[in-house]
Amino acid sequence: MARYYVRWQLNPQLIPVDPEERNKLLTSLLEMVGEDIKAGKIKDWGIVAGESCGYIIREEASDAELHASTYKWMPYVSFQTSAVLTFEQLAELNKKAFATAKAK
């Protein structure tokens, strides 16, 4: 599984002004987050205190699967994504790079 750091931002133009409508929308978005957490797709999720943005640590089988998973959030949320390596992956890559450099 590939791991991704995803920065998300709510689209303020699409957030209802009416408190009840806003609560209904935000509740439905949070329910979708909960579903992805239960399914194991989201490993960590957070919101910046006092703002309408946050982050997700997400695992997907491929870049294409990650792209497809963002569709359900549009147009209410926009994303910036970056593939990331785990500590274990970096440690293994470091060993291989050192071995390659030493062999030269």
PDB file of N, CA and C in Angstrom:
ATOM      1  N   MET A   1       0.835  -1.190   0.000  1.00  0.00           N
ATOM      2  CA  MET A   1       0.000   0.000   0.000  1.00  0.00           C
ATOM      3  C   MET A   1       0.878   1.251   0.000  1.00  0.00           C
ATOM      4  N   ALA A   2       0.483   2.187  -0.797  1.00  0.00           N
ATOM      5  CA  ALA A   2       1.149   3.485  -0.794  1.00  0.00           C
ATOM      6  C   ALA A   2       0.530   4.359   0.283  1.00  0.00           C
ATOM      7  N   ARG A   3       1.348   5.204   0.880  1.00  0.00           N
ATOM      8  CA  ARG A   3       0.877   6.102   1.942  1.00  0.00           C
ATOM      9  C   ARG A   3       0.982   7.532   1.436  1.00  0.00           C
ATOM     10  N   TYR A   4      -0.016   8.331   1.790  1.00  0.00           N
ATOM     11  CA  TYR A   4      -0.092   9.707   1.304  1.00  0.00           C
ATOM     12  C   TYR A   4      -0.369  10.669   2.444  1.00  0.00           C
ATOM     13  N   TYR A   5       0.278  11.823   2.345  1.00  0.00           N
ATOM     14  CA  TYR A   5      -0.045  12.965   3.210  1.00  0.00           C
ATOM     15  C   TYR A   5      -0.940  13.859   2.370  1.00  0.00           C
ATOM     16  N   VAL A   6      -2.145  14.099   2.854  1.00  0.00           N
ATOM     17  CA  VAL A   6      -3.137  14.859   2.094  1.00  0.00           C
ATOM     18  C   VAL A   6      -3.522  16.101   2.899  1.00  0.00           C
ATOM     19  N   ARG A   7      -3.314  17.262   2.311  1.00  0.00           N
ATOM     20  CA  ARG A   7      -3.784  18.504   2.921  1.00  0.00           C
ATOM     21  C   ARG A   7      -5.157  18.797   2.325  1.00  0.00           C
ATOM     22  N   TRP A   8      -6.137  19.067   3.171  1.00  0.00           N
ATOM     23  CA  TRP A   8      -7.483  19.345   2.665  1.00  0.00           C
ATOM     24  C   TRP A   8      -7.922  20.738   3.091  1.00  0.00           C
ATOM     25  N   GLN A   9      -8.829  21.303   2.293  1.00  0.00           N
ATOM     26  CA  GLN A   9      -9.354  22.643   2.526  1.00  0.00           C
ATOM     27  C   GLN A   9     -10.824  22.651   2.144  1.00  0.00           C
ATOM     28  N   LEU A  10     -11.692  23.060   3.073  1.00  0.00           N
ATOM     29  CA  LEU A  10     -13.103  23.217   2.727  1.00  0.00           C
ATOM     30  C   LEU A  10     -13.263  24.397   1.779  1.00  0.00           C
ATOM     31  N   ASN A  11     -14.205  24.280   0.860  1.00  0.00           N
ATOM     32  CA  ASN A  11     -14.505  25.367  -0.062  1.00  0.00           C
ATOM     33  C   ASN A  11     -15.489  26.305   0.637  1.00  0.00           C
ATOM     34  N   PRO A  12     -15.029  27.481   1.101  1.00  0.00           N
ATOM     35  CA  PRO A  12     -15.913  28.361   1.872  1.00  0.00           C
ATOM     36  C   PRO A  12     -17.114  28.869   1.082  1.00  0.00           C
ATOM     37  N   GLN A  13     -17.012  28.892  -0.223  1.00  0.00           N
ATOM     38  CA  GLN A  13     -18.128  29.362  -1.047  1.00  0.00           C
ATOM     39  C   GLN A  13     -19.286  28.380  -1.069  1.00  0.00           C
ATOM     40  N   LEU A  14     -19.021  27.125  -0.703  1.00  0.00           N
ATOM     41  CA  LEU A  14     -20.074  26.111  -0.742  1.00  0.00           C
ATOM     42  C   LEU A  14     -20.583  25.708   0.640  1.00  0.00           C
ATOM     43  N   ILE A  15     -20.065  26.323   1.675  1.00  0.00           N
ATOM     44  CA  ILE A  15     -20.525  26.018   3.027  1.00  0.00           C
ATOM     45  C   ILE A  15     -21.755  26.869   3.313  1.00  0.00           C
ATOM     46  N   PRO A  16     -22.875  26.244   3.643  1.00  0.00           N
ATOM     47  CA  PRO A  16     -24.109  27.007   3.878  1.00  0.00           C
ATOM     48  C   PRO A  16     -23.974  28.020   5.010  1.00  0.00           C
ATOM     49  N   VAL A  17     -24.643  29.140   4.838  1.00  0.00           N
ATOM     50  CA  VAL A  17     -24.661  30.187   5.862  1.00  0.00           C
ATOM     51  C   VAL A  17     -25.611  29.791   6.995  1.00  0.00           C
ATOM     52  N   ASP A  18     -26.717  29.152   6.654  1.00  0.00           N
ATOM     53  CA  ASP A  18     -27.691  28.725   7.654  1.00  0.00           C
ATOM     54  C   ASP A  18     -27.049  27.670   8.565  1.00  0.00           C
ATOM     55  N   PRO A  19     -27.062  27.886   9.887  1.00  0.00           N
ATOM     56  CA  PRO A  19     -26.411  26.960  10.818  1.00  0.00           C
ATOM     57  C   PRO A  19     -26.903  25.516  10.716  1.00  0.00           C
ATOM     58  N   GLU A  20     -28.200  25.319  10.528  1.00  0.00           N
ATOM     59  CA  GLU A  20     -28.725  23.954  10.433  1.00  0.00           C
ATOM     60  C   GLU A  20     -28.243  23.258   9.166  1.00  0.00           C
ATOM     61  N   GLU A  21     -28.267  23.973   8.050  1.00  0.00           N
ATOM     62  CA  GLU A  21     -27.771  23.397   6.793  1.00  0.00           C
ATOM     63  C   GLU A  21     -26.273  23.116   6.879  1.00  0.00           C
ATOM     64  N   ARG A  22     -25.531  24.039   7.489  1.00  0.00           N
ATOM     65  CA  ARG A  22     -24.081  23.860   7.637  1.00  0.00           C
ATOM     66  C   ARG A  22     -23.796  22.634   8.493  1.00  0.00           C
ATOM     67  N   ASN A  23     -24.540  22.486   9.602  1.00  0.00           N
ATOM     68  CA  ASN A  23     -24.347  21.333  10.471  1.00  0.00           C
ATOM     69  C   ASN A  23     -24.649  20.031   9.730  1.00  0.00           C
ATOM     70  N   LYS A  24     -25.699  20.028   8.924  1.00  0.00           N
ATOM     71  CA  LYS A  24     -26.062  18.829   8.163  1.00  0.00           C
ATOM     72  C   LYS A  24     -24.942  18.448   7.190  1.00  0.00           C
ATOM     73  N   LEU A  25     -24.395  19.428   6.473  1.00  0.00           N
ATOM     74  CA  LEU A  25     -23.309  19.159   5.531  1.00  0.00           C
ATOM     75  C   LEU A  25     -22.057  18.666   6.256  1.00  0.00           C
ATOM     76  N   LEU A  26     -21.637  19.389   7.292  1.00  0.00           N
ATOM     77  CA  LEU A  26     -20.409  19.007   7.995  1.00  0.00           C
ATOM     78  C   LEU A  26     -20.545  17.651   8.672  1.00  0.00           C
ATOM     79  N   THR A  27     -21.742  17.356   9.188  1.00  0.00           N
ATOM     80  CA  THR A  27     -21.978  16.038   9.784  1.00  0.00           C
ATOM     81  C   THR A  27     -21.843  14.941   8.735  1.00  0.00           C
ATOM     82  N   SER A  28     -22.378  15.166   7.542  1.00  0.00           N
ATOM     83  CA  SER A  28     -22.273  14.138   6.491  1.00  0.00           C
ATOM     84  C   SER A  28     -20.816  13.963   6.058  1.00  0.00           C
ATOM     85  N   LEU A  29     -20.053  15.052   5.993  1.00  0.00           N
ATOM     86  CA  LEU A  29     -18.630  14.939   5.642  1.00  0.00           C
ATOM     87  C   LEU A  29     -17.866  14.162   6.713  1.00  0.00           C
ATOM     88  N   LEU A  30     -18.156  14.455   7.976  1.00  0.00           N
ATOM     89  CA  LEU A  30     -17.486  13.726   9.065  1.00  0.00           C
ATOM     90  C   LEU A  30     -17.863  12.252   9.079  1.00  0.00           C
ATOM     91  N   GLU A  31     -19.100  11.928   8.720  1.00  0.00           N
ATOM     92  CA  GLU A  31     -19.500  10.521   8.633  1.00  0.00           C
ATOM     93  C   GLU A  31     -18.692   9.795   7.565  1.00  0.00           C
ATOM     94  N   MET A  32     -18.420  10.469   6.438  1.00  0.00           N
ATOM     95  CA  MET A  32     -17.603   9.858   5.386  1.00  0.00           C
ATOM     96  C   MET A  32     -16.171   9.640   5.876  1.00  0.00           C
ATOM     97  N   VAL A  33     -15.650  10.592   6.662  1.00  0.00           N
ATOM     98  CA  VAL A  33     -14.316  10.417   7.248  1.00  0.00           C
ATOM     99  C   VAL A  33     -14.323   9.181   8.147  1.00  0.00           C
ATOM    100  N   GLY A  34     -15.341   9.077   8.996  1.00  0.00           N
ATOM    101  CA  GLY A  34     -15.453   7.930   9.898  1.00  0.00           C
ATOM    102  C   GLY A  34     -15.499   6.601   9.159  1.00  0.00           C
ATOM    103  N   GLU A  35     -16.218   6.573   8.041  1.00  0.00           N
ATOM    104  CA  GLU A  35     -16.289   5.349   7.236  1.00  0.00           C
ATOM    105  C   GLU A  35     -14.913   4.968   6.701  1.00  0.00           C
ATOM    106  N   ASP A  36     -14.156   5.945   6.226  1.00  0.00           N
ATOM    107  CA  ASP A  36     -12.813   5.666   5.704  1.00  0.00           C
ATOM    108  C   ASP A  36     -11.854   5.250   6.814  1.00  0.00           C
ATOM    109  N   ILE A  37     -12.028   5.797   8.015  1.00  0.00           N
ATOM    110  CA  ILE A  37     -11.204   5.369   9.151  1.00  0.00           C
ATOM    111  C   ILE A  37     -11.517   3.915   9.488  1.00  0.00           C
ATOM    112  N   LYS A  38     -12.805   3.571   9.567  1.00  0.00           N
ATOM    113  CA  LYS A  38     -13.205   2.190   9.872  1.00  0.00           C
ATOM    114  C   LYS A  38     -12.715   1.210   8.814  1.00  0.00           C
ATOM    115  N   ALA A  39     -12.697   1.653   7.541  1.00  0.00           N
ATOM    116  CA  ALA A  39     -12.242   0.796   6.449  1.00  0.00           C
ATOM    117  C   ALA A  39     -10.718   0.677   6.404  1.00  0.00           C
ATOM    118  N   GLY A  40     -10.020   1.464   7.225  1.00  0.00           N
ATOM    119  CA  GLY A  40      -8.564   1.391   7.257  1.00  0.00           C
ATOM    120  C   GLY A  40      -7.861   2.239   6.211  1.00  0.00           C
ATOM    121  N   LYS A  41      -8.620   3.004   5.441  1.00  0.00           N
ATOM    122  CA  LYS A  41      -8.023   3.866   4.414  1.00  0.00           C
ATOM    123  C   LYS A  41      -7.358   5.088   5.038  1.00  0.00           C
ATOM    124  N   ILE A  42      -8.004   5.686   6.036  1.00  0.00           N
ATOM    125  CA  ILE A  42      -7.453   6.843   6.727  1.00  0.00           C
ATOM    126  C   ILE A  42      -6.770   6.349   8.000  1.00  0.00           C
ATOM    127  N   LYS A  43      -5.480   6.633   8.104  1.00  0.00           N
ATOM    128  CA  LYS A  43      -4.694   6.241   9.273  1.00  0.00           C
ATOM    129  C   LYS A  43      -4.680   7.335  10.330  1.00  0.00           C
ATOM    130  N   ASP A  44      -4.798   8.589   9.894  1.00  0.00           N
ATOM    131  CA  ASP A  44      -4.851   9.719  10.819  1.00  0.00           C
ATOM    132  C   ASP A  44      -5.567  10.858  10.119  1.00  0.00           C
ATOM    133  N   TRP A  45      -6.291  11.650  10.875  1.00  0.00           N
ATOM    134  CA  TRP A  45      -7.056  12.780  10.335  1.00  0.00           C
ATOM    135  C   TRP A  45      -7.041  13.884  11.369  1.00  0.00           C
ATOM    136  N   GLY A  46      -6.917  15.106  10.924  1.00  0.00           N
ATOM    137  CA  GLY A  46      -6.963  16.225  11.851  1.00  0.00           C
ATOM    138  C   GLY A  46      -7.393  17.498  11.151  1.00  0.00           C
ATOM    139  N   ILE A  47      -7.872  18.450  11.958  1.00  0.00           N
ATOM    140  CA  ILE A  47      -8.268  19.760  11.467  1.00  0.00           C
ATOM    141  C   ILE A  47      -7.428  20.790  12.207  1.00  0.00           C
ATOM    142  N   VAL A  48      -7.041  21.846  11.512  1.00  0.00           N
ATOM    143  CA  VAL A  48      -6.318  22.935  12.142  1.00  0.00           C
ATOM    144  C   VAL A  48      -7.323  23.702  12.998  1.00  0.00           C
ATOM    145  N   ALA A  49      -7.030  23.863  14.272  1.00  0.00           N
ATOM    146  CA  ALA A  49      -7.955  24.519  15.201  1.00  0.00           C
ATOM    147  C   ALA A  49      -8.317  25.919  14.712  1.00  0.00           C
ATOM    148  N   GLY A  50      -9.616  26.184  14.634  1.00  0.00           N
ATOM    149  CA  GLY A  50     -10.095  27.495  14.246  1.00  0.00           C
ATOM    150  C   GLY A  50     -10.051  27.780  12.755  1.00  0.00           C
ATOM    151  N   GLU A  51      -9.749  26.779  11.954  1.00  0.00           N
ATOM    152  CA  GLU A  51      -9.677  26.976  10.504  1.00  0.00           C
ATOM    153  C   GLU A  51     -10.497  25.913   9.788  1.00  0.00           C
ATOM    154  N   SER A  52     -10.588  26.022   8.482  1.00  0.00           N
ATOM    155  CA  SER A  52     -11.365  25.071   7.689  1.00  0.00           C
ATOM    156  C   SER A  52     -10.445  24.229   6.817  1.00  0.00           C
ATOM    157  N   CYS A  53      -9.313  23.810   7.403  1.00  0.00           N
ATOM    158  CA  CYS A  53      -8.357  22.976   6.679  1.00  0.00           C
ATOM    159  C   CYS A  53      -7.739  21.979   7.651  1.00  0.00           C
ATOM    160  N   GLY A  54      -7.099  20.975   7.093  1.00  0.00           N
ATOM    161  CA  GLY A  54      -6.477  19.968   7.930  1.00  0.00           C
ATOM    162  C   GLY A  54      -5.659  19.005   7.111  1.00  0.00           C
ATOM    163  N   TYR A  55      -5.473  17.799   7.644  1.00  0.00           N
ATOM    164  CA  TYR A  55      -4.633  16.802   6.980  1.00  0.00           C
ATOM    165  C   TYR A  55      -5.231  15.411   7.141  1.00  0.00           C
ATOM    166  N   ILE A  56      -4.761  14.533   6.268  1.00  0.00           N
ATOM    167  CA  ILE A  56      -5.114  13.120   6.325  1.00  0.00           C
ATOM    168  C   ILE A  56      -3.846  12.328   6.034  1.00  0.00           C
ATOM    169  N   ILE A  57      -3.634  11.251   6.755  1.00  0.00           N
ATOM    170  CA  ILE A  57      -2.649  10.245   6.367  1.00  0.00           C
ATOM    171  C   ILE A  57      -3.487   9.091   5.842  1.00  0.00           C
ATOM    172  N   ARG A  58      -3.310   8.782   4.569  1.00  0.00           N
ATOM    173  CA  ARG A  58      -4.193   7.852   3.873  1.00  0.00           C
ATOM    174  C   ARG A  58      -3.377   6.757   3.201  1.00  0.00           C
ATOM    175  N   GLU A  59      -3.907   5.545   3.162  1.00  0.00           N
ATOM    176  CA  GLU A  59      -3.284   4.442   2.432  1.00  0.00           C
ATOM    177  C   GLU A  59      -4.199   3.997   1.311  1.00  0.00           C
ATOM    178  N   GLU A  60      -3.617   3.868   0.146  1.00  0.00           N
ATOM    179  CA  GLU A  60      -4.346   3.401  -1.040  1.00  0.00           C
ATOM    180  C   GLU A  60      -3.454   2.423  -1.805  1.00  0.00           C
ATOM    181  N   ALA A  61      -4.062   1.621  -2.635  1.00  0.00           N
ATOM    182  CA  ALA A  61      -3.310   0.659  -3.426  1.00  0.00           C
ATOM    183  C   ALA A  61      -2.513   1.332  -4.537  1.00  0.00           C
ATOM    184  N   SER A  62      -2.986   2.488  -4.992  1.00  0.00           N
ATOM    185  CA  SER A  62      -2.315   3.155  -6.113  1.00  0.00           C
ATOM    186  C   SER A  62      -2.686   4.631  -6.152  1.00  0.00           C
ATOM    187  N   ASP A  63      -1.951   5.385  -6.971  1.00  0.00           N
ATOM    188  CA  ASP A  63      -2.284   6.792  -7.178  1.00  0.00           C
ATOM    189  C   ASP A  63      -3.685   6.926  -7.763  1.00  0.00           C
ATOM    190  N   ALA A  64      -4.036   6.022  -8.662  1.00  0.00           N
ATOM    191  CA  ALA A  64      -5.360   6.072  -9.288  1.00  0.00           C
ATOM    192  C   ALA A  64      -6.462   5.860  -8.251  1.00  0.00           C
ATOM    193  N   GLU A  65      -6.251   4.948  -7.316  1.00  0.00           N
ATOM    194  CA  GLU A  65      -7.244   4.710  -6.263  1.00  0.00           C
ATOM    195  C   GLU A  65      -7.368   5.939  -5.361  1.00  0.00           C
ATOM    196  N   LEU A  66      -6.248   6.581  -5.058  1.00  0.00           N
ATOM    197  CA  LEU A  66      -6.294   7.813  -4.268  1.00  0.00           C
ATOM    198  C   LEU A  66      -7.102   8.877  -4.994  1.00  0.00           C
ATOM    199  N   HIS A  67      -6.831   9.040  -6.278  1.00  0.00           N
ATOM    200  CA  HIS A  67      -7.552  10.038  -7.071  1.00  0.00           C
ATOM    201  C   HIS A  67      -9.060   9.743  -7.060  1.00  0.00           C
ATOM    202  N   ALA A  68      -9.412   8.495  -7.249  1.00  0.00           N
ATOM    203  CA  ALA A  68     -10.834   8.114  -7.257  1.00  0.00           C
ATOM    204  C   ALA A  68     -11.484   8.365  -5.894  1.00  0.00           C
ATOM    205  N   SER A  69     -10.736   8.182  -4.818  1.00  0.00           N
ATOM    206  CA  SER A  69     -11.319   8.343  -3.483  1.00  0.00           C
ATOM    207  C   SER A  69     -11.634   9.805  -3.160  1.00  0.00           C
ATOM    208  N   THR A  70     -11.026  10.746  -3.866  1.00  0.00           N
ATOM    209  CA  THR A  70     -11.295  12.160  -3.594  1.00  0.00           C
ATOM    210  C   THR A  70     -12.582  12.648  -4.250  1.00  0.00           C
ATOM    211  N   TYR A  71     -13.096  11.933  -5.221  1.00  0.00           N
ATOM    212  CA  TYR A  71     -14.293  12.385  -5.940  1.00  0.00           C
ATOM    213  C   TYR A  71     -15.500  12.588  -5.037  1.00  0.00           C
ATOM    214  N   LYS A  72     -15.651  11.745  -4.028  1.00  0.00           N
ATOM    215  CA  LYS A  72     -16.841  11.851  -3.174  1.00  0.00           C
ATOM    216  C   LYS A  72     -16.852  13.135  -2.358  1.00  0.00           C
ATOM    217  N   TRP A  73     -15.722  13.791  -2.242  1.00  0.00           N
ATOM    218  CA  TRP A  73     -15.621  15.016  -1.450  1.00  0.00           C
ATOM    219  C   TRP A  73     -15.848  16.275  -2.278  1.00  0.00           C
ATOM    220  N   MET A  74     -15.711  16.155  -3.567  1.00  0.00           N
ATOM    221  CA  MET A  74     -15.827  17.326  -4.442  1.00  0.00           C
ATOM    222  C   MET A  74     -17.284  17.727  -4.594  1.00  0.00           C
ATOM    223  N   PRO A  75     -17.605  18.983  -4.669  1.00  0.00           N
ATOM    224  CA  PRO A  75     -16.739  20.167  -4.740  1.00  0.00           C
ATOM    225  C   PRO A  75     -16.513  20.819  -3.373  1.00  0.00           C
ATOM    226  N   TYR A  76     -16.911  20.145  -2.295  1.00  0.00           N
ATOM    227  CA  TYR A  76     -16.853  20.762  -0.971  1.00  0.00           C
ATOM    228  C   TYR A  76     -15.445  20.841  -0.385  1.00  0.00           C
ATOM    229  N   VAL A  77     -14.570  19.949  -0.826  1.00  0.00           N
ATOM    230  CA  VAL A  77     -13.217  19.884  -0.277  1.00  0.00           C
ATOM    231  C   VAL A  77     -12.224  19.801  -1.428  1.00  0.00           C
ATOM    232  N   SER A  78     -11.124  20.539  -1.309  1.00  0.00           N
ATOM    233  CA  SER A  78     -10.032  20.419  -2.272  1.00  0.00           C
ATOM    234  C   SER A  78      -8.821  19.807  -1.561  1.00  0.00           C
ATOM    235  N   PHE A  79      -7.936  19.197  -2.347  1.00  0.00           N
ATOM    236  CA  PHE A  79      -6.825  18.437  -1.781  1.00  0.00           C
ATOM    237  C   PHE A  79      -5.504  18.779  -2.445  1.00  0.00           C
ATOM    238  N   GLN A  80      -4.438  18.645  -1.675  1.00  0.00           N
ATOM    239  CA  GLN A  80      -3.076  18.628  -2.176  1.00  0.00           C
ATOM    240  C   GLN A  80      -2.451  17.375  -1.575  1.00  0.00           C
ATOM    241  N   THR A  81      -1.917  16.508  -2.413  1.00  0.00           N
ATOM    242  CA  THR A  81      -1.420  15.228  -1.910  1.00  0.00           C
ATOM    243  C   THR A  81       0.065  15.040  -2.206  1.00  0.00           C
ATOM    244  N   SER A  82       0.708  14.299  -1.329  1.00  0.00           N
ATOM    245  CA  SER A  82       2.113  13.943  -1.494  1.00  0.00           C
ATOM    246  C   SER A  82       2.289  12.504  -1.034  1.00  0.00           C
ATOM    247  N   ALA A  83       2.977  11.709  -1.842  1.00  0.00           N
ATOM    248  CA  ALA A  83       3.313  10.352  -1.414  1.00  0.00           C
ATOM    249  C   ALA A  83       4.382  10.463  -0.334  1.00  0.00           C
ATOM    250  N   VAL A  84       4.282   9.642   0.696  1.00  0.00           N
ATOM    251  CA  VAL A  84       5.256   9.660   1.784  1.00  0.00           C
ATOM    252  C   VAL A  84       5.766   8.252   2.044  1.00  0.00           C
ATOM    253  N   LEU A  85       6.940   8.198   2.665  1.00  0.00           N
ATOM    254  CA  LEU A  85       7.542   6.922   3.049  1.00  0.00           C
ATOM    255  C   LEU A  85       7.441   6.765   4.560  1.00  0.00           C
ATOM    256  N   THR A  86       7.267   5.539   5.000  1.00  0.00           N
ATOM    257  CA  THR A  86       7.258   5.261   6.431  1.00  0.00           C
ATOM    258  C   THR A  86       8.699   5.218   6.934  1.00  0.00           C
ATOM    259  N   PHE A  87       8.855   5.216   8.228  1.00  0.00           N
ATOM    260  CA  PHE A  87      10.180   5.080   8.842  1.00  0.00           C
ATOM    261  C   PHE A  87      10.866   3.810   8.346  1.00  0.00           C
ATOM    262  N   GLU A  88      10.118   2.712   8.332  1.00  0.00           N
ATOM    263  CA  GLU A  88      10.682   1.431   7.909  1.00  0.00           C
ATOM    264  C   GLU A  88      11.135   1.477   6.454  1.00  0.00           C
ATOM    265  N   GLN A  89      10.343   2.090   5.586  1.00  0.00           N
ATOM    266  CA  GLN A  89      10.715   2.193   4.179  1.00  0.00           C
ATOM    267  C   GLN A  89      11.991   3.019   4.012  1.00  0.00           C
ATOM    268  N   LEU A  90      12.073   4.121   4.707  1.00  0.00           N
ATOM    269  CA  LEU A  90      13.258   4.964   4.605  1.00  0.00           C
ATOM    270  C   LEU A  90      14.493   4.257   5.151  1.00  0.00           C
ATOM    271  N   ALA A  91      14.351   3.556   6.253  1.00  0.00           N
ATOM    272  CA  ALA A  91      15.480   2.821   6.823  1.00  0.00           C
ATOM    273  C   ALA A  91      15.998   1.778   5.826  1.00  0.00           C
ATOM    274  N   GLU A  92      15.088   1.071   5.167  1.00  0.00           N
ATOM    275  CA  GLU A  92      15.490   0.067   4.171  1.00  0.00           C
ATOM    276  C   GLU A  92      16.165   0.724   2.966  1.00  0.00           C
ATOM    277  N   LEU A  93      15.598   1.812   2.488  1.00  0.00           N
ATOM    278  CA  LEU A  93      16.211   2.528   1.367  1.00  0.00           C
ATOM    279  C   LEU A  93      17.592   3.056   1.734  1.00  0.00           C
ATOM    280  N   ASN A  94      17.735   3.540   2.957  1.00  0.00           N
ATOM    281  CA  ASN A  94      19.026   4.044   3.413  1.00  0.00           C
ATOM    282  C   ASN A  94      20.075   2.931   3.417  1.00  0.00           C
ATOM    283  N   LYS A  95      19.697   1.743   3.891  1.00  0.00           N
ATOM    284  CA  LYS A  95      20.617   0.602   3.887  1.00  0.00           C
ATOM    285  C   LYS A  95      21.056   0.269   2.465  1.00  0.00           C
ATOM    286  N   LYS A  96      20.096   0.236   1.542  1.00  0.00           N
ATOM    287  CA  LYS A  96      20.417  -0.088   0.144  1.00  0.00           C
ATOM    288  C   LYS A  96      21.316   0.976  -0.479  1.00  0.00           C
ATOM    289  N   ALA A  97      21.012   2.239  -0.202  1.00  0.00           N
ATOM    290  CA  ALA A  97      21.834   3.320  -0.757  1.00  0.00           C
ATOM    291  C   ALA A  97      23.244   3.271  -0.203  1.00  0.00           C
ATOM    292  N   PHE A  98      23.391   2.971   1.089  1.00  0.00           N
ATOM    293  CA  PHE A  98      24.716   2.869   1.684  1.00  0.00           C
ATOM    294  C   PHE A  98      25.488   1.705   1.087  1.00  0.00           C
ATOM    295  N   ALA A  99      24.820   0.562   0.919  1.00  0.00           N
ATOM    296  CA  ALA A  99      25.479  -0.602   0.332  1.00  0.00           C
ATOM    297  C   ALA A  99      25.928  -0.317  -1.098  1.00  0.00           C
ATOM    298  N   THR A 100      25.100   0.374  -1.868  1.00  0.00           N
ATOM    299  CA  THR A 100      25.449   0.719  -3.236  1.00  0.00           C
ATOM    300  C   THR A 100      26.631   1.680  -3.260  1.00  0.00           C
ATOM    301  N   ALA A 101      26.617   2.676  -2.401  1.00  0.00           N
ATOM    302  CA  ALA A 101      27.708   3.653  -2.353  1.00  0.00           C
ATOM    303  C   ALA A 101      29.016   3.010  -1.897  1.00  0.00           C
ATOM    304  N   LYS A 102      28.929   2.092  -0.947  1.00  0.00           N
ATOM    305  CA  LYS A 102      30.113   1.405  -0.429  1.00  0.00           C
ATOM    306  C   LYS A 102      30.725   0.498  -1.481  1.00  0.00           C
ATOM    307  N   ALA A 103      29.878  -0.083  -2.350  1.00  0.00           N
ATOM    308  CA  ALA A 103      30.358  -1.017  -3.369  1.00  0.00           C
ATOM    309  C   ALA A 103      31.114  -0.299  -4.497  1.00  0.00           C
ATOM    310  N   LYS A 104      30.963   0.992  -4.611  1.00  0.00           N
ATOM    311  CA  LYS A 104      31.632   1.742  -5.696  1.00  0.00           C
ATOM    312  C   LYS A 104      33.064   2.026  -5.396  1.00  0.00           C
TER     313      LYS A 104
END
